[in-house]
Amino acid sequence: MAVLKKEKLCDMSVEGYEHVKQRLLSLAIRKDGCSLLDIGCHHGTFTVELGRSVGAKKLYGIDIADKWIREARRRGVVVKKVDLDKNRFPFRKKIFDVILCNQVIEHLTNPDKLLEEIHRTLKDDGYALISTPNLASLHNRLFLFFGSQPTILAPSTKIIFGNPLRGVESGMYGPARHVTAFTYKSFKEMLNHYNFKIDRYSGSGFYPLKGICAEILAKLFPNLAVYSIARVSKKI
């Protein structure tokens, strides 16, 4: 198997993230005047975009990186610095109408605390949008079948080893490192365990395919998609 160039890897990742964002927007329900929390809000660009889509009046965010916190605040997001593995959200219970958690849970050693906090701070009639890479995606299954390393988890923080991307500089270090992985089945079961009702479930990305063809297959076969995406509400 040929080694992929770093530029090609970056292109695949960027396209994948953009498709996930579009799928999240398609699953969002408008709630004019609502309050929105973006967990792992980064620089706040998508926070603002989703807020506009759902008609949010107030935008809140959580992040760990000072650089992103400053940029998100410049975009009008009220951001709190929180270590999600150690601390509760600095918000009272049942305060948010919409909560976004886009590809954050896989970076935590304690994903249970995260789901508990989402449930605690979500209003009874609110909903959350949660996404994460799928350990059991088609390409990861094929990699494992041939004895290769799945792309979702890396043994090194410096260089990628064990799959066709070997030799490429790894981006999985610091807060960007994946430490937890979910299959389609385990993700759904964990959401159910923490008293969430899955209203819509979808997939995004279908490596090695790209574009609209990949997204169609991801919708048809979410258990094989690169990313798992759920819209959930609280069990009442």
Protein backbone atom coordinates (compact mmCIF):
# COMPACT_ATOMS: atom_id res chain seq x y z
CA MET A 1 0.00 0.00 0.00
CA ALA A 2 1.40 3.37 -1.02
CA VAL A 3 2.25 6.08 1.47
CA LEU A 4 -0.11 9.06 1.24
CA LYS A 5 1.38 12.52 1.13
CA LYS A 6 0.67 14.86 4.03
CA GLU A 7 -1.12 17.29 1.70
CA LYS A 8 -3.55 14.59 0.59
CA LEU A 9 -4.21 13.57 4.17
CA CYS A 10 -4.99 17.18 5.09
CA ASP A 11 -7.34 17.53 2.10
CA MET A 12 -9.25 14.39 3.14
CA SER A 13 -9.55 15.60 6.74
CA VAL A 14 -10.71 19.10 5.80
CA GLU A 15 -13.33 17.76 3.40
CA GLY A 16 -14.51 15.26 6.00
CA TYR A 17 -14.91 17.91 8.69
CA GLU A 18 -16.87 20.15 6.31
CA HIS A 19 -19.26 17.33 5.41
CA VAL A 20 -19.82 16.62 9.12
CA LYS A 21 -20.70 20.27 9.69
CA GLN A 22 -23.20 20.21 6.82
CA ARG A 23 -24.78 17.05 8.22
CA LEU A 24 -25.04 18.64 11.66
CA LEU A 25 -26.75 21.67 10.14
CA SER A 26 -29.20 19.39 8.32
CA LEU A 27 -30.12 17.67 11.61
CA ALA A 28 -30.54 20.90 13.57
CA ILE A 29 -34.03 22.11 14.45
CA ARG A 30 -34.76 25.82 14.57
CA LYS A 31 -35.70 27.19 18.01
CA ASP A 32 -35.92 30.96 17.70
CA GLY A 33 -34.52 32.83 20.68
CA CYS A 34 -32.80 29.74 22.05
CA SER A 35 -29.53 29.43 23.97
CA LEU A 36 -26.78 27.38 22.32
CA LEU A 37 -23.73 25.75 23.92
CA ASP A 38 -20.86 24.59 21.70
CA ILE A 39 -18.56 22.16 23.53
CA GLY A 40 -15.10 22.47 22.04
CA CYS A 41 -16.08 25.63 20.19
CA HIS A 42 -12.60 26.21 18.71
CA HIS A 43 -12.51 29.68 17.08
CA GLY A 44 -16.29 30.00 17.14
CA THR A 45 -16.92 30.14 13.40
CA PHE A 46 -19.20 27.10 13.33
CA THR A 47 -20.76 28.16 16.65
CA VAL A 48 -21.96 31.33 14.96
CA GLU A 49 -23.08 29.46 11.82
CA LEU A 50 -25.10 26.90 13.77
CA GLY A 51 -26.47 29.63 16.02
CA ARG A 52 -27.74 31.49 12.98
CA SER A 53 -29.30 28.29 11.62
CA VAL A 54 -31.22 27.47 14.83
CA GLY A 55 -32.14 31.08 15.60
CA ALA A 56 -30.07 31.30 18.79
CA LYS A 57 -30.21 34.48 20.82
CA LYS A 58 -27.30 33.57 23.10
CA LEU A 59 -24.12 31.74 22.11
CA TYR A 60 -21.97 29.97 24.70
CA GLY A 61 -18.84 27.88 24.26
CA ILE A 62 -16.39 25.70 26.13
CA ASP A 63 -12.75 25.21 25.13
CA ILE A 64 -9.36 24.53 26.67
CA ALA A 65 -7.06 26.51 24.34
CA ASP A 66 -6.56 30.19 25.16
CA LYS A 67 -5.97 31.07 21.50
CA TRP A 68 -9.33 29.68 20.39
CA ILE A 69 -11.11 31.16 23.38
CA ARG A 70 -9.92 34.64 22.44
CA GLU A 71 -10.98 34.20 18.80
CA ALA A 72 -14.41 32.79 19.72
CA ARG A 73 -15.02 35.68 22.11
CA ARG A 74 -14.22 38.12 19.31
CA ARG A 75 -17.02 36.47 17.35
CA GLY A 76 -19.50 37.12 20.13
CA VAL A 77 -19.41 33.72 21.87
CA VAL A 78 -19.40 33.67 25.68
CA VAL A 79 -16.63 31.13 26.26
CA LYS A 80 -15.59 29.36 29.46
CA LYS A 81 -12.24 27.60 29.82
CA VAL A 82 -12.90 24.06 31.04
CA ASP A 83 -10.91 20.82 31.26
CA LEU A 84 -13.70 18.44 30.32
CA ASP A 85 -11.92 15.42 31.81
CA LYS A 86 -11.78 17.02 35.26
CA ASN A 87 -14.47 19.65 35.67
CA ARG A 88 -18.20 20.11 35.39
CA PHE A 89 -19.66 22.68 33.04
CA PRO A 90 -19.76 26.09 34.79
CA PHE A 91 -23.48 26.41 34.11
CA ARG A 92 -26.61 25.62 36.08
CA LYS A 93 -28.81 22.69 35.15
CA LYS A 94 -31.39 22.79 32.34
CA ILE A 95 -30.14 26.06 30.86
CA PHE A 96 -29.49 25.24 27.16
CA ASP A 97 -31.98 24.61 24.37
CA VAL A 98 -29.33 23.28 21.97
CA ILE A 99 -25.96 21.71 22.74
CA LEU A 100 -23.34 20.92 20.10
CA CYS A 101 -20.51 18.45 20.74
CA ASN A 102 -18.73 18.04 17.43
CA GLN A 103 -15.84 15.55 17.53
CA VAL A 104 -14.85 16.19 21.13
CA ILE A 105 -15.80 13.06 23.05
CA GLU A 106 -13.05 10.96 21.42
CA HIS A 107 -10.42 13.29 22.94
CA LEU A 108 -11.48 12.56 26.53
CA THR A 109 -10.40 9.90 28.98
CA ASN A 110 -13.71 10.41 30.81
CA PRO A 111 -16.48 10.59 28.19
CA ASP A 112 -19.01 9.52 30.84
CA LYS A 113 -18.63 12.85 32.65
CA LEU A 114 -19.18 14.72 29.38
CA LEU A 115 -22.48 12.95 28.64
CA GLU A 116 -23.63 13.44 32.23
CA GLU A 117 -22.95 17.16 31.96
CA ILE A 118 -24.72 17.47 28.61
CA HIS A 119 -27.75 15.78 30.13
CA ARG A 120 -27.61 17.99 33.26
CA THR A 121 -27.42 21.31 31.40
CA LEU A 122 -29.85 20.47 28.57
CA LYS A 123 -33.44 21.63 28.92
CA ASP A 124 -36.12 18.95 29.02
CA ASP A 125 -37.42 20.07 25.62
CA GLY A 126 -33.96 20.73 24.16
CA TYR A 127 -31.71 18.61 21.98
CA ALA A 128 -28.02 17.89 21.49
CA LEU A 129 -25.99 17.24 18.35
CA ILE A 130 -23.10 14.86 19.01
CA SER A 131 -20.58 13.53 16.50
CA THR A 132 -17.49 11.32 16.71
CA PRO A 133 -15.28 9.26 14.38
CA ASN A 134 -16.46 5.68 13.85
CA LEU A 135 -13.95 3.00 14.86
CA ALA A 136 -15.92 0.45 12.82
CA SER A 137 -15.96 2.46 9.58
CA LEU A 138 -15.39 0.54 6.36
CA HIS A 139 -11.81 1.71 5.92
CA ASN A 140 -10.90 0.93 9.54
CA ARG A 141 -12.39 -2.56 9.20
CA LEU A 142 -10.31 -3.16 6.09
CA PHE A 143 -7.17 -1.86 7.78
CA LEU A 144 -7.69 -4.19 10.74
CA PHE A 145 -8.48 -7.14 8.45
CA PHE A 146 -5.07 -6.71 6.81
CA GLY A 147 -3.35 -6.18 10.15
CA SER A 148 -3.00 -2.40 9.80
CA GLN A 149 -3.58 0.34 12.35
CA PRO A 150 -7.02 2.04 12.22
CA THR A 151 -6.78 5.75 11.50
CA ILE A 152 -8.88 6.79 14.49
CA LEU A 153 -6.24 5.73 17.06
CA ALA A 154 -2.49 6.26 16.83
CA PRO A 155 0.30 4.57 18.82
CA SER A 156 2.58 7.60 18.39
CA THR A 157 2.08 11.33 18.89
CA LYS A 158 4.81 12.14 16.35
CA ILE A 159 4.65 9.85 13.31
CA ILE A 160 1.85 7.68 11.88
CA PHE A 161 2.72 4.00 11.94
CA GLY A 162 0.98 0.84 10.79
CA ASN A 163 -1.30 1.96 7.93
CA PRO A 164 -1.00 3.51 4.44
CA LEU A 165 -0.41 6.93 6.00
CA ARG A 166 2.80 5.68 7.64
CA GLY A 167 5.62 8.16 7.77
CA VAL A 168 3.31 11.18 7.78
CA GLU A 169 3.64 13.59 10.68
CA SER A 170 0.92 12.84 13.21
CA GLY A 171 -1.49 15.52 14.42
CA MET A 172 -2.57 13.40 17.39
CA TYR A 173 -0.83 15.09 20.26
CA GLY A 174 -1.95 17.29 23.12
CA PRO A 175 -5.68 18.09 23.12
CA ALA A 176 -5.91 16.80 19.53
CA ARG A 177 -5.07 13.20 20.52
CA HIS A 178 -7.82 10.59 20.25
CA VAL A 179 -7.91 8.53 23.44
CA THR A 180 -11.41 7.01 23.21
CA ALA A 181 -13.02 5.26 20.23
CA PHE A 182 -16.63 4.33 19.50
CA THR A 183 -18.20 1.92 17.12
CA TYR A 184 -21.65 2.65 15.70
CA LYS A 185 -23.13 0.23 18.24
CA SER A 186 -21.22 1.37 21.34
CA PHE A 187 -21.96 5.04 20.61
CA LYS A 188 -25.71 4.39 20.44
CA GLU A 189 -25.67 2.17 23.53
CA MET A 190 -23.74 4.76 25.57
CA LEU A 191 -26.11 7.56 24.60
CA ASN A 192 -29.03 5.37 25.63
CA HIS A 193 -27.35 4.50 28.95
CA TYR A 194 -27.06 8.18 29.85
CA ASN A 195 -30.78 8.71 29.30
CA PHE A 196 -30.72 10.17 25.82
CA LYS A 197 -33.28 9.31 23.20
CA ILE A 198 -31.82 9.17 19.70
CA ASP A 199 -34.13 11.19 17.46
CA ARG A 200 -31.97 11.01 14.33
CA TYR A 201 -28.83 9.06 13.57
CA SER A 202 -26.66 9.56 10.53
CA GLY A 203 -23.21 8.96 9.14
CA SER A 204 -20.82 11.12 7.14
CA GLY A 205 -17.84 10.22 4.99
CA PHE A 206 -17.14 6.90 3.31
CA TYR A 207 -13.42 6.41 2.65
CA PRO A 208 -11.86 5.95 0.18
CA LEU A 209 -14.71 7.60 -1.74
CA LYS A 210 -15.21 11.36 -1.72
CA GLY A 211 -17.91 13.91 -2.48
CA ILE A 212 -21.62 13.29 -2.90
CA CYS A 213 -21.20 9.55 -3.55
CA ALA A 214 -19.53 9.09 -0.15
CA GLU A 215 -22.27 11.06 1.61
CA ILE A 216 -25.05 9.02 -0.01
CA LEU A 217 -23.42 5.76 1.10
CA ALA A 218 -22.85 7.20 4.59
CA LYS A 219 -26.57 7.92 4.88
CA LEU A 220 -27.48 4.44 3.66
CA PHE A 221 -24.89 2.61 5.77
CA PRO A 222 -24.12 4.76 8.85
CA ASN A 223 -22.51 1.79 10.62
CA LEU A 224 -19.76 1.88 7.96
CA ALA A 225 -19.38 5.67 7.69
CA VAL A 226 -16.27 7.56 8.78
CA TYR A 227 -18.21 9.68 11.30
CA SER A 228 -21.21 8.95 13.53
CA ILE A 229 -23.66 11.80 14.12
CA ALA A 230 -26.66 11.79 16.45
CA ARG A 231 -29.37 14.25 17.38
CA VAL A 232 -30.57 13.32 20.84
CA SER A 233 -33.10 14.55 23.37
CA LYS A 234 -33.60 13.71 27.03
CA LYS A 235 -35.70 10.75 28.07
CA ILE A 236 -38.52 12.20 30.11
